[in-house]
Amino acid sequence: MSMLLTEVSVKELEILKEILPGAVRVGLLSNPTTPSHPTAVKAVDRAAQTLGVELVPASASTVSEIQVGFQTMTRNQCNGVLVLSSPLYTVQAELVAELQMKHRLPAIFANRANVKAGGLVSYGADLDDLYRRAAFYIDKIFKGATPAELPVEQASKYFMVLNLKTAKALGVNVSPTLLALADEVIE
C-alpha cells in the first residue's frame, strides 16, 4: 500500500498556501529517519518555488529536536508549517499541536490525529481504508500468494480535516471554499 507521500506533501503545501495566502516563508518539519522524506522534501521544495514560498527546513527525529525545529522556524519568521507524515509526529500529536499554538505557526499535517490533537488542518490518505485494503493482501498471502507478485496499491481515498477552534485561536480565516471541501470540520 502506498500513501503517495511525495504527491500528498505537495498538495498539503498548496492547501497551506490557500489558507495563508500571504505566507512567504513556510517551515518544513521532516524526519531524517523516515525513508520517504528526502524525496518528499525535494518535491515540496520545487512546489514552494512555484508558489513563491521560501521553505525553512527543520529536521527532527526526537522530541527535543521537534521543539528546536519550532524555535528555528519562529526565529526565521515562518508564517506556517508543513509537517511531513511521520510516525513520530503522529505519536507526538499533542506536543506538535502545543508547539503550533505556542509559536503561533499554523500547521498542516497528513494525519487527522494531529488535527484531533489541536492541529489546524490535515490532508492525507484515509488510513482506515488502507488498513481494510491491507487485510485483503494479508488474506491473499495466507492463501499462498507470493508477496513480491502482488501489485503495490495506491491510496484511493483522501480527506481533509479542519479544526476551526484552532483556526480561530491562531487568527486564521478559512475560506468558505476550503471549508466546503473539508470532509470533517472540528468546531
N, C-alpha and C. Protein backbone atom coordinates (compact mmCIF):
# COMPACT_ATOMS: atom_id res chain seq x y z
N MET A 1 0.84 -1.17 0.00
CA MET A 1 0.00 0.00 0.00
C MET A 1 0.89 1.24 0.00
N SER A 2 0.51 2.22 -0.79
CA SER A 2 1.26 3.46 -0.86
C SER A 2 0.34 4.63 -0.56
N MET A 3 0.82 5.54 0.29
CA MET A 3 0.05 6.74 0.61
C MET A 3 0.40 7.89 -0.32
N LEU A 4 1.35 7.67 -1.24
CA LEU A 4 1.79 8.72 -2.17
C LEU A 4 2.27 9.96 -1.42
N LEU A 5 3.13 9.75 -0.42
CA LEU A 5 3.58 10.83 0.44
C LEU A 5 4.12 12.02 -0.33
N THR A 6 4.91 11.76 -1.35
CA THR A 6 5.53 12.87 -2.09
C THR A 6 4.47 13.77 -2.70
N GLU A 7 3.53 13.19 -3.42
CA GLU A 7 2.48 13.98 -4.07
C GLU A 7 1.56 14.64 -3.06
N VAL A 8 1.25 13.92 -1.99
CA VAL A 8 0.37 14.46 -0.96
C VAL A 8 1.03 15.64 -0.25
N SER A 9 2.33 15.56 -0.03
CA SER A 9 3.05 16.65 0.63
C SER A 9 2.99 17.93 -0.19
N VAL A 10 3.09 17.80 -1.50
CA VAL A 10 2.97 18.96 -2.38
C VAL A 10 1.56 19.55 -2.27
N LYS A 11 0.56 18.68 -2.27
CA LYS A 11 -0.83 19.14 -2.13
C LYS A 11 -1.03 19.84 -0.78
N GLU A 12 -0.41 19.32 0.26
CA GLU A 12 -0.52 19.94 1.58
C GLU A 12 0.06 21.36 1.57
N LEU A 13 1.18 21.54 0.89
CA LEU A 13 1.76 22.88 0.79
C LEU A 13 0.79 23.81 0.05
N GLU A 14 0.17 23.32 -1.01
CA GLU A 14 -0.80 24.13 -1.75
C GLU A 14 -1.98 24.53 -0.86
N ILE A 15 -2.46 23.59 -0.05
CA ILE A 15 -3.57 23.87 0.86
C ILE A 15 -3.16 24.90 1.90
N LEU A 16 -1.96 24.73 2.46
CA LEU A 16 -1.47 25.69 3.45
C LEU A 16 -1.37 27.09 2.84
N LYS A 17 -0.89 27.16 1.62
CA LYS A 17 -0.78 28.46 0.94
C LYS A 17 -2.17 29.06 0.69
N GLU A 18 -3.15 28.21 0.43
CA GLU A 18 -4.52 28.71 0.26
C GLU A 18 -5.08 29.24 1.57
N ILE A 19 -4.76 28.57 2.66
CA ILE A 19 -5.22 29.02 3.98
C ILE A 19 -4.49 30.29 4.40
N LEU A 20 -3.20 30.36 4.04
CA LEU A 20 -2.37 31.52 4.39
C LEU A 20 -1.87 32.18 3.12
N PRO A 21 -2.75 32.87 2.38
CA PRO A 21 -2.35 33.40 1.07
C PRO A 21 -1.18 34.38 1.12
N GLY A 22 -0.99 35.03 2.26
CA GLY A 22 0.11 35.98 2.38
C GLY A 22 1.42 35.35 2.83
N ALA A 23 1.42 34.05 3.02
CA ALA A 23 2.63 33.37 3.52
C ALA A 23 3.77 33.49 2.51
N VAL A 24 4.91 33.91 3.00
CA VAL A 24 6.10 33.99 2.15
C VAL A 24 7.20 33.03 2.63
N ARG A 25 7.09 32.58 3.87
CA ARG A 25 8.08 31.67 4.44
C ARG A 25 7.34 30.57 5.21
N VAL A 26 7.60 29.33 4.83
CA VAL A 26 6.92 28.18 5.45
C VAL A 26 7.97 27.21 5.99
N GLY A 27 7.77 26.81 7.24
CA GLY A 27 8.63 25.80 7.82
C GLY A 27 8.29 24.43 7.28
N LEU A 28 9.29 23.58 7.17
CA LEU A 28 9.09 22.21 6.70
C LEU A 28 9.70 21.28 7.72
N LEU A 29 8.85 20.64 8.52
CA LEU A 29 9.31 19.71 9.54
C LEU A 29 9.38 18.32 8.94
N SER A 30 10.60 17.78 8.87
CA SER A 30 10.79 16.45 8.31
C SER A 30 11.65 15.62 9.26
N ASN A 31 11.51 14.31 9.13
CA ASN A 31 12.22 13.37 9.98
C ASN A 31 13.27 12.64 9.15
N PRO A 32 14.55 12.84 9.43
CA PRO A 32 15.60 12.21 8.63
C PRO A 32 15.60 10.68 8.71
N THR A 33 14.89 10.12 9.69
CA THR A 33 14.84 8.65 9.80
C THR A 33 13.66 8.05 9.03
N THR A 34 12.82 8.89 8.45
CA THR A 34 11.70 8.41 7.64
C THR A 34 12.18 8.30 6.19
N PRO A 35 12.24 7.09 5.65
CA PRO A 35 12.87 6.88 4.32
C PRO A 35 12.28 7.70 3.18
N SER A 36 11.00 8.01 3.23
CA SER A 36 10.37 8.73 2.13
C SER A 36 10.57 10.24 2.19
N HIS A 37 11.09 10.75 3.28
CA HIS A 37 11.19 12.20 3.42
C HIS A 37 12.15 12.90 2.46
N PRO A 38 13.33 12.35 2.15
CA PRO A 38 14.20 13.08 1.22
C PRO A 38 13.53 13.37 -0.13
N THR A 39 12.81 12.40 -0.66
CA THR A 39 12.10 12.60 -1.93
C THR A 39 10.99 13.63 -1.77
N ALA A 40 10.25 13.54 -0.67
CA ALA A 40 9.16 14.48 -0.43
C ALA A 40 9.69 15.90 -0.26
N VAL A 41 10.81 16.05 0.44
CA VAL A 41 11.39 17.37 0.66
C VAL A 41 11.76 18.01 -0.68
N LYS A 42 12.35 17.23 -1.59
CA LYS A 42 12.71 17.77 -2.92
C LYS A 42 11.46 18.22 -3.68
N ALA A 43 10.42 17.41 -3.64
CA ALA A 43 9.18 17.77 -4.35
C ALA A 43 8.54 19.01 -3.75
N VAL A 44 8.52 19.10 -2.44
CA VAL A 44 7.93 20.27 -1.77
C VAL A 44 8.76 21.51 -2.08
N ASP A 45 10.07 21.37 -2.14
CA ASP A 45 10.94 22.50 -2.46
C ASP A 45 10.62 23.04 -3.86
N ARG A 46 10.43 22.14 -4.83
CA ARG A 46 10.07 22.57 -6.19
C ARG A 46 8.72 23.28 -6.18
N ALA A 47 7.76 22.72 -5.46
CA ALA A 47 6.43 23.32 -5.40
C ALA A 47 6.47 24.69 -4.72
N ALA A 48 7.31 24.82 -3.69
CA ALA A 48 7.43 26.10 -2.98
C ALA A 48 7.91 27.19 -3.93
N GLN A 49 8.85 26.86 -4.79
CA GLN A 49 9.34 27.85 -5.76
C GLN A 49 8.22 28.31 -6.68
N THR A 50 7.40 27.36 -7.12
CA THR A 50 6.27 27.69 -7.99
C THR A 50 5.26 28.58 -7.27
N LEU A 51 5.06 28.31 -5.97
CA LEU A 51 4.09 29.07 -5.19
C LEU A 51 4.65 30.38 -4.64
N GLY A 52 5.94 30.62 -4.87
CA GLY A 52 6.56 31.83 -4.37
C GLY A 52 6.76 31.83 -2.87
N VAL A 53 7.06 30.65 -2.33
CA VAL A 53 7.23 30.49 -0.89
C VAL A 53 8.65 30.02 -0.61
N GLU A 54 9.29 30.62 0.39
CA GLU A 54 10.60 30.17 0.83
C GLU A 54 10.41 29.12 1.92
N LEU A 55 11.06 27.97 1.76
CA LEU A 55 10.98 26.91 2.76
C LEU A 55 12.10 27.08 3.79
N VAL A 56 11.74 26.86 5.04
CA VAL A 56 12.71 26.84 6.13
C VAL A 56 12.71 25.42 6.68
N PRO A 57 13.71 24.62 6.31
CA PRO A 57 13.73 23.22 6.75
C PRO A 57 14.06 23.09 8.23
N ALA A 58 13.38 22.16 8.88
CA ALA A 58 13.66 21.80 10.26
C ALA A 58 13.61 20.29 10.34
N SER A 59 14.73 19.70 10.63
CA SER A 59 14.85 18.25 10.69
C SER A 59 14.71 17.80 12.14
N ALA A 60 13.83 16.83 12.40
CA ALA A 60 13.60 16.40 13.77
C ALA A 60 13.27 14.91 13.84
N SER A 61 14.11 14.17 14.56
CA SER A 61 13.86 12.74 14.75
C SER A 61 13.69 12.39 16.22
N THR A 62 13.65 13.41 17.09
CA THR A 62 13.41 13.21 18.52
C THR A 62 12.49 14.31 19.02
N VAL A 63 11.94 14.11 20.21
CA VAL A 63 11.06 15.12 20.79
C VAL A 63 11.80 16.44 20.97
N SER A 64 13.01 16.39 21.48
CA SER A 64 13.74 17.65 21.69
C SER A 64 14.05 18.34 20.37
N GLU A 65 14.30 17.57 19.32
CA GLU A 65 14.55 18.18 18.01
C GLU A 65 13.29 18.81 17.43
N ILE A 66 12.12 18.25 17.74
CA ILE A 66 10.86 18.86 17.30
C ILE A 66 10.76 20.25 17.93
N GLN A 67 11.04 20.33 19.22
CA GLN A 67 10.98 21.62 19.93
C GLN A 67 11.97 22.62 19.34
N VAL A 68 13.19 22.17 19.07
CA VAL A 68 14.20 23.04 18.46
C VAL A 68 13.75 23.47 17.07
N GLY A 69 13.15 22.55 16.32
CA GLY A 69 12.66 22.86 14.98
C GLY A 69 11.65 23.99 14.99
N PHE A 70 10.72 23.96 15.93
CA PHE A 70 9.73 25.05 16.03
C PHE A 70 10.40 26.36 16.42
N GLN A 71 11.39 26.29 17.28
CA GLN A 71 12.13 27.51 17.65
C GLN A 71 12.83 28.09 16.42
N THR A 72 13.42 27.22 15.62
CA THR A 72 14.11 27.65 14.40
C THR A 72 13.15 28.30 13.43
N MET A 73 11.99 27.69 13.25
CA MET A 73 11.00 28.25 12.33
C MET A 73 10.49 29.60 12.82
N THR A 74 10.33 29.74 14.13
CA THR A 74 9.89 31.01 14.70
C THR A 74 10.96 32.08 14.49
N ARG A 75 12.22 31.73 14.78
CA ARG A 75 13.33 32.67 14.58
C ARG A 75 13.42 33.13 13.13
N ASN A 76 13.07 32.24 12.21
CA ASN A 76 13.13 32.56 10.78
C ASN A 76 11.83 33.18 10.27
N GLN A 77 10.96 33.56 11.19
CA GLN A 77 9.72 34.27 10.88
C GLN A 77 8.84 33.53 9.87
N CYS A 78 8.66 32.23 10.09
CA CYS A 78 7.78 31.45 9.22
C CYS A 78 6.33 31.86 9.47
N ASN A 79 5.54 31.75 8.42
CA ASN A 79 4.11 32.06 8.52
C ASN A 79 3.28 30.83 8.84
N GLY A 80 3.82 29.65 8.59
CA GLY A 80 3.12 28.40 8.84
C GLY A 80 4.10 27.25 8.72
N VAL A 81 3.59 26.02 8.93
CA VAL A 81 4.44 24.84 8.93
C VAL A 81 3.77 23.70 8.19
N LEU A 82 4.54 23.05 7.33
CA LEU A 82 4.13 21.79 6.72
C LEU A 82 4.86 20.70 7.48
N VAL A 83 4.10 19.83 8.14
CA VAL A 83 4.67 18.73 8.91
C VAL A 83 4.52 17.47 8.07
N LEU A 84 5.64 16.96 7.56
CA LEU A 84 5.58 15.75 6.74
C LEU A 84 5.12 14.57 7.59
N SER A 85 4.46 13.63 6.95
CA SER A 85 3.92 12.46 7.63
C SER A 85 5.05 11.59 8.19
N SER A 86 5.01 11.38 9.49
CA SER A 86 5.99 10.54 10.16
C SER A 86 5.34 9.95 11.41
N PRO A 87 5.60 8.68 11.69
CA PRO A 87 5.03 8.09 12.92
C PRO A 87 5.37 8.91 14.17
N LEU A 88 6.58 9.46 14.24
CA LEU A 88 6.97 10.26 15.40
C LEU A 88 6.04 11.45 15.58
N TYR A 89 5.72 12.14 14.50
CA TYR A 89 4.89 13.34 14.60
C TYR A 89 3.44 12.98 14.92
N THR A 90 3.02 11.79 14.56
CA THR A 90 1.67 11.34 14.91
C THR A 90 1.62 10.94 16.38
N VAL A 91 2.62 10.20 16.84
CA VAL A 91 2.68 9.80 18.25
C VAL A 91 2.79 11.05 19.14
N GLN A 92 3.49 12.05 18.67
CA GLN A 92 3.67 13.30 19.42
C GLN A 92 2.68 14.38 18.98
N ALA A 93 1.48 13.96 18.57
CA ALA A 93 0.49 14.89 18.03
C ALA A 93 0.17 16.02 19.02
N GLU A 94 0.01 15.70 20.29
CA GLU A 94 -0.33 16.74 21.27
C GLU A 94 0.82 17.74 21.41
N LEU A 95 2.04 17.25 21.47
CA LEU A 95 3.20 18.14 21.58
C LEU A 95 3.29 19.06 20.37
N VAL A 96 3.14 18.50 19.18
CA VAL A 96 3.26 19.30 17.96
C VAL A 96 2.14 20.35 17.92
N ALA A 97 0.94 19.97 18.34
CA ALA A 97 -0.17 20.93 18.38
C ALA A 97 0.12 22.05 19.40
N GLU A 98 0.68 21.68 20.55
CA GLU A 98 1.03 22.68 21.56
C GLU A 98 2.09 23.65 21.02
N LEU A 99 3.08 23.10 20.33
CA LEU A 99 4.14 23.94 19.77
C LEU A 99 3.59 24.87 18.68
N GLN A 100 2.64 24.34 17.90
CA GLN A 100 1.97 25.17 16.88
C GLN A 100 1.33 26.38 17.53
N MET A 101 0.65 26.15 18.65
CA MET A 101 -0.04 27.25 19.34
C MET A 101 0.96 28.18 20.03
N LYS A 102 1.93 27.60 20.72
CA LYS A 102 2.93 28.40 21.45
C LYS A 102 3.69 29.33 20.51
N HIS A 103 4.04 28.83 19.33
CA HIS A 103 4.84 29.61 18.39
C HIS A 103 3.97 30.33 17.35
N ARG A 104 2.63 30.15 17.46
CA ARG A 104 1.69 30.81 16.55
C ARG A 104 2.01 30.49 15.09
N LEU A 105 2.25 29.19 14.82
CA LEU A 105 2.60 28.73 13.48
C LEU A 105 1.53 27.74 12.99
N PRO A 106 0.55 28.20 12.23
CA PRO A 106 -0.47 27.30 11.71
C PRO A 106 0.19 26.15 10.94
N ALA A 107 -0.25 24.93 11.23
CA ALA A 107 0.41 23.76 10.65
C ALA A 107 -0.57 22.86 9.91
N ILE A 108 -0.06 22.25 8.84
CA ILE A 108 -0.81 21.24 8.10
C ILE A 108 -0.09 19.91 8.26
N PHE A 109 -0.89 18.87 8.37
CA PHE A 109 -0.42 17.51 8.63
C PHE A 109 -1.03 16.54 7.62
N ALA A 110 -0.51 15.33 7.58
CA ALA A 110 -1.09 14.29 6.74
C ALA A 110 -2.09 13.43 7.50
N ASN A 111 -2.05 13.51 8.82
CA ASN A 111 -2.84 12.60 9.64
C ASN A 111 -3.89 13.36 10.44
N ARG A 112 -5.11 12.90 10.39
CA ARG A 112 -6.20 13.57 11.12
C ARG A 112 -6.00 13.54 12.62
N ALA A 113 -5.21 12.56 13.14
CA ALA A 113 -4.93 12.51 14.57
C ALA A 113 -4.26 13.80 15.05
N ASN A 114 -3.45 14.38 14.19
CA ASN A 114 -2.79 15.64 14.55
C ASN A 114 -3.80 16.78 14.69
N VAL A 115 -4.83 16.77 13.86
CA VAL A 115 -5.86 17.81 13.93
C VAL A 115 -6.76 17.56 15.13
N LYS A 116 -7.06 16.33 15.41
CA LYS A 116 -7.86 15.99 16.60
C LYS A 116 -7.14 16.45 17.86
N ALA A 117 -5.80 16.42 17.83
CA ALA A 117 -5.00 16.85 18.99
C ALA A 117 -4.87 18.37 19.07
N GLY A 118 -5.37 19.09 18.06
CA GLY A 118 -5.32 20.55 18.09
C GLY A 118 -4.62 21.19 16.92
N GLY A 119 -4.12 20.39 15.97
CA GLY A 119 -3.50 20.94 14.78
C GLY A 119 -4.54 21.66 13.93
N LEU A 120 -4.09 22.48 13.00
CA LEU A 120 -5.02 23.29 12.19
C LEU A 120 -5.74 22.48 11.12
N VAL A 121 -4.98 21.77 10.29
CA VAL A 121 -5.59 21.10 9.14
C VAL A 121 -4.76 19.87 8.77
N SER A 122 -5.45 18.90 8.23
CA SER A 122 -4.73 17.73 7.69
C SER A 122 -5.31 17.40 6.32
N TYR A 123 -4.45 16.84 5.50
CA TYR A 123 -4.87 16.30 4.22
C TYR A 123 -4.03 15.06 3.99
N GLY A 124 -4.69 13.94 3.83
CA GLY A 124 -3.93 12.72 3.63
C GLY A 124 -4.81 11.54 3.29
N ALA A 125 -4.13 10.42 3.11
CA ALA A 125 -4.82 9.18 2.76
C ALA A 125 -5.71 8.75 3.93
N ASP A 126 -6.81 8.13 3.59
CA ASP A 126 -7.71 7.57 4.59
C ASP A 126 -7.06 6.29 5.11
N LEU A 127 -6.43 6.39 6.27
CA LEU A 127 -5.69 5.25 6.81
C LEU A 127 -6.60 4.07 7.12
N ASP A 128 -7.82 4.33 7.58
CA ASP A 128 -8.75 3.23 7.85
C ASP A 128 -9.01 2.43 6.57
N ASP A 129 -9.17 3.12 5.45
CA ASP A 129 -9.37 2.44 4.18
C ASP A 129 -8.13 1.63 3.79
N LEU A 130 -6.95 2.20 4.00
CA LEU A 130 -5.71 1.46 3.69
C LEU A 130 -5.59 0.22 4.56
N TYR A 131 -5.94 0.31 5.83
CA TYR A 131 -5.87 -0.86 6.71
C TYR A 131 -6.83 -1.95 6.24
N ARG A 132 -8.04 -1.55 5.85
CA ARG A 132 -9.01 -2.54 5.36
C ARG A 132 -8.49 -3.22 4.10
N ARG A 133 -7.91 -2.42 3.21
CA ARG A 133 -7.39 -2.98 1.96
C ARG A 133 -6.18 -3.86 2.22
N ALA A 134 -5.39 -3.52 3.22
CA ALA A 134 -4.23 -4.35 3.57
C ALA A 134 -4.68 -5.72 4.05
N ALA A 135 -5.84 -5.78 4.68
CA ALA A 135 -6.37 -7.08 5.14
C ALA A 135 -6.59 -8.02 3.97
N PHE A 136 -7.00 -7.50 2.83
CA PHE A 136 -7.18 -8.34 1.64
C PHE A 136 -5.84 -8.91 1.18
N TYR A 137 -4.80 -8.09 1.27
CA TYR A 137 -3.45 -8.56 0.91
C TYR A 137 -3.00 -9.67 1.86
N ILE A 138 -3.23 -9.47 3.14
CA ILE A 138 -2.85 -10.47 4.13
C ILE A 138 -3.59 -11.77 3.86
N ASP A 139 -4.87 -11.66 3.54
CA ASP A 139 -5.66 -12.84 3.22
C ASP A 139 -5.07 -13.58 2.02
N LYS A 140 -4.69 -12.85 0.99
CA LYS A 140 -4.10 -13.47 -0.20
C LYS A 140 -2.78 -14.17 0.14
N ILE A 141 -1.99 -13.54 0.98
CA ILE A 141 -0.70 -14.13 1.37
C ILE A 141 -0.93 -15.40 2.19
N PHE A 142 -1.87 -15.35 3.11
CA PHE A 142 -2.19 -16.55 3.90
C PHE A 142 -2.70 -17.69 3.02
N LYS A 143 -3.30 -17.33 1.89
CA LYS A 143 -3.82 -18.35 0.97
C LYS A 143 -2.77 -18.78 -0.05
N GLY A 144 -1.52 -18.31 0.13
CA GLY A 144 -0.43 -18.80 -0.71
C GLY A 144 0.14 -17.84 -1.73
N ALA A 145 -0.39 -16.66 -1.85
CA ALA A 145 0.15 -15.69 -2.82
C ALA A 145 1.56 -15.28 -2.40
N THR A 146 2.40 -15.04 -3.39
CA THR A 146 3.76 -14.56 -3.12
C THR A 146 3.71 -13.04 -3.01
N PRO A 147 4.15 -12.48 -1.87
CA PRO A 147 4.06 -11.03 -1.68
C PRO A 147 4.72 -10.23 -2.81
N ALA A 148 5.84 -10.71 -3.32
CA ALA A 148 6.55 -9.98 -4.38
C ALA A 148 5.74 -9.91 -5.67
N GLU A 149 4.78 -10.79 -5.83
CA GLU A 149 3.98 -10.80 -7.05
C GLU A 149 2.71 -9.96 -6.93
N LEU A 150 2.41 -9.49 -5.75
CA LEU A 150 1.22 -8.66 -5.56
C LEU A 150 1.54 -7.22 -5.96
N PRO A 151 0.64 -6.57 -6.66
CA PRO A 151 0.91 -5.18 -7.08
C PRO A 151 0.84 -4.22 -5.89
N VAL A 152 1.60 -3.14 -5.99
CA VAL A 152 1.51 -2.08 -4.99
C VAL A 152 0.26 -1.28 -5.30
N GLU A 153 -0.56 -1.08 -4.31
CA GLU A 153 -1.78 -0.29 -4.50
C GLU A 153 -1.59 1.10 -3.92
N GLN A 154 -2.12 2.07 -4.62
CA GLN A 154 -2.08 3.45 -4.15
C GLN A 154 -3.37 3.75 -3.40
N ALA A 155 -3.25 4.62 -2.42
CA ALA A 155 -4.44 5.05 -1.70
C ALA A 155 -5.41 5.68 -2.70
N SER A 156 -6.67 5.41 -2.50
CA SER A 156 -7.67 5.96 -3.42
C SER A 156 -8.61 6.93 -2.72
N LYS A 157 -8.56 6.97 -1.39
CA LYS A 157 -9.40 7.88 -0.64
C LYS A 157 -8.52 8.83 0.17
N TYR A 158 -8.76 10.11 -0.01
CA TYR A 158 -8.04 11.14 0.74
C TYR A 158 -9.08 12.04 1.38
N PHE A 159 -8.73 12.60 2.52
CA PHE A 159 -9.68 13.54 3.10
C PHE A 159 -8.96 14.64 3.86
N MET A 160 -9.70 15.74 3.99
CA MET A 160 -9.20 16.92 4.68
C MET A 160 -10.01 17.14 5.95
N VAL A 161 -9.29 17.44 7.03
CA VAL A 161 -9.92 17.76 8.30
C VAL A 161 -9.46 19.14 8.72
N LEU A 162 -10.40 19.99 9.07
CA LEU A 162 -10.10 21.36 9.53
C LEU A 162 -10.53 21.53 10.97
N ASN A 163 -9.70 22.18 11.76
CA ASN A 163 -10.02 22.47 13.15
C ASN A 163 -10.30 23.97 13.25
N LEU A 164 -11.58 24.33 13.27
CA LEU A 164 -11.96 25.75 13.31
C LEU A 164 -11.64 26.40 14.65
N LYS A 165 -11.66 25.62 15.72
CA LYS A 165 -11.29 26.15 17.03
C LYS A 165 -9.83 26.62 17.01
N THR A 166 -8.96 25.81 16.41
CA THR A 166 -7.55 26.17 16.29
C THR A 166 -7.40 27.36 15.35
N ALA A 167 -8.13 27.35 14.24
CA ALA A 167 -8.05 28.47 13.29
C ALA A 167 -8.39 29.78 13.99
N LYS A 168 -9.45 29.77 14.78
CA LYS A 168 -9.87 30.98 15.50
C LYS A 168 -8.78 31.41 16.48
N ALA A 169 -8.22 30.46 17.22
CA ALA A 169 -7.19 30.77 18.22
C ALA A 169 -5.93 31.35 17.56
N LEU A 170 -5.65 30.91 16.34
CA LEU A 170 -4.46 31.40 15.62
C LEU A 170 -4.76 32.62 14.75
N GLY A 171 -6.03 33.04 14.70
CA GLY A 171 -6.39 34.18 13.88
C GLY A 171 -6.37 33.88 12.39
N VAL A 172 -6.65 32.63 12.03
CA VAL A 172 -6.63 32.21 10.63
C VAL A 172 -8.06 32.16 10.11
N ASN A 173 -8.31 32.84 9.01
CA ASN A 173 -9.61 32.80 8.36
C ASN A 173 -9.60 31.72 7.29
N VAL A 174 -10.48 30.74 7.44
CA VAL A 174 -10.59 29.68 6.46
C VAL A 174 -11.66 30.07 5.45
N SER A 175 -11.31 30.05 4.18
CA SER A 175 -12.24 30.47 3.14
C SER A 175 -13.44 29.52 3.08
N PRO A 176 -14.60 30.05 2.70
CA PRO A 176 -15.78 29.20 2.55
C PRO A 176 -15.54 28.06 1.55
N THR A 177 -14.75 28.32 0.52
CA THR A 177 -14.45 27.29 -0.48
C THR A 177 -13.70 26.13 0.15
N LEU A 178 -12.66 26.44 0.92
CA LEU A 178 -11.88 25.39 1.56
C LEU A 178 -12.72 24.68 2.62
N LEU A 179 -13.53 25.43 3.32
CA LEU A 179 -14.41 24.84 4.33
C LEU A 179 -15.38 23.85 3.68
N ALA A 180 -15.88 24.19 2.50
CA ALA A 180 -16.79 23.30 1.78
C ALA A 180 -16.08 22.04 1.30
N LEU A 181 -14.78 22.13 1.03
CA LEU A 181 -14.03 20.97 0.56
C LEU A 181 -13.64 20.02 1.69
N ALA A 182 -13.69 20.51 2.93
CA ALA A 182 -13.30 19.68 4.08
C ALA A 182 -14.27 18.51 4.25
N ASP A 183 -13.70 17.36 4.53
CA ASP A 183 -14.50 16.17 4.79
C ASP A 183 -14.98 16.13 6.25
N GLU A 184 -14.22 16.78 7.11
CA GLU A 184 -14.58 16.84 8.52
C GLU A 184 -14.15 18.20 9.06
N VAL A 185 -15.02 18.79 9.88
CA VAL A 185 -14.72 20.08 10.49
C VAL A 185 -14.88 19.92 12.00
N ILE A 186 -13.84 20.29 12.73
CA ILE A 186 -13.87 20.26 14.18
C ILE A 186 -14.14 21.68 14.65
N GLU A 187 -15.20 21.83 15.46
CA GLU A 187 -15.58 23.19 15.90
C GLU A 187 -15.37 23.36 17.39
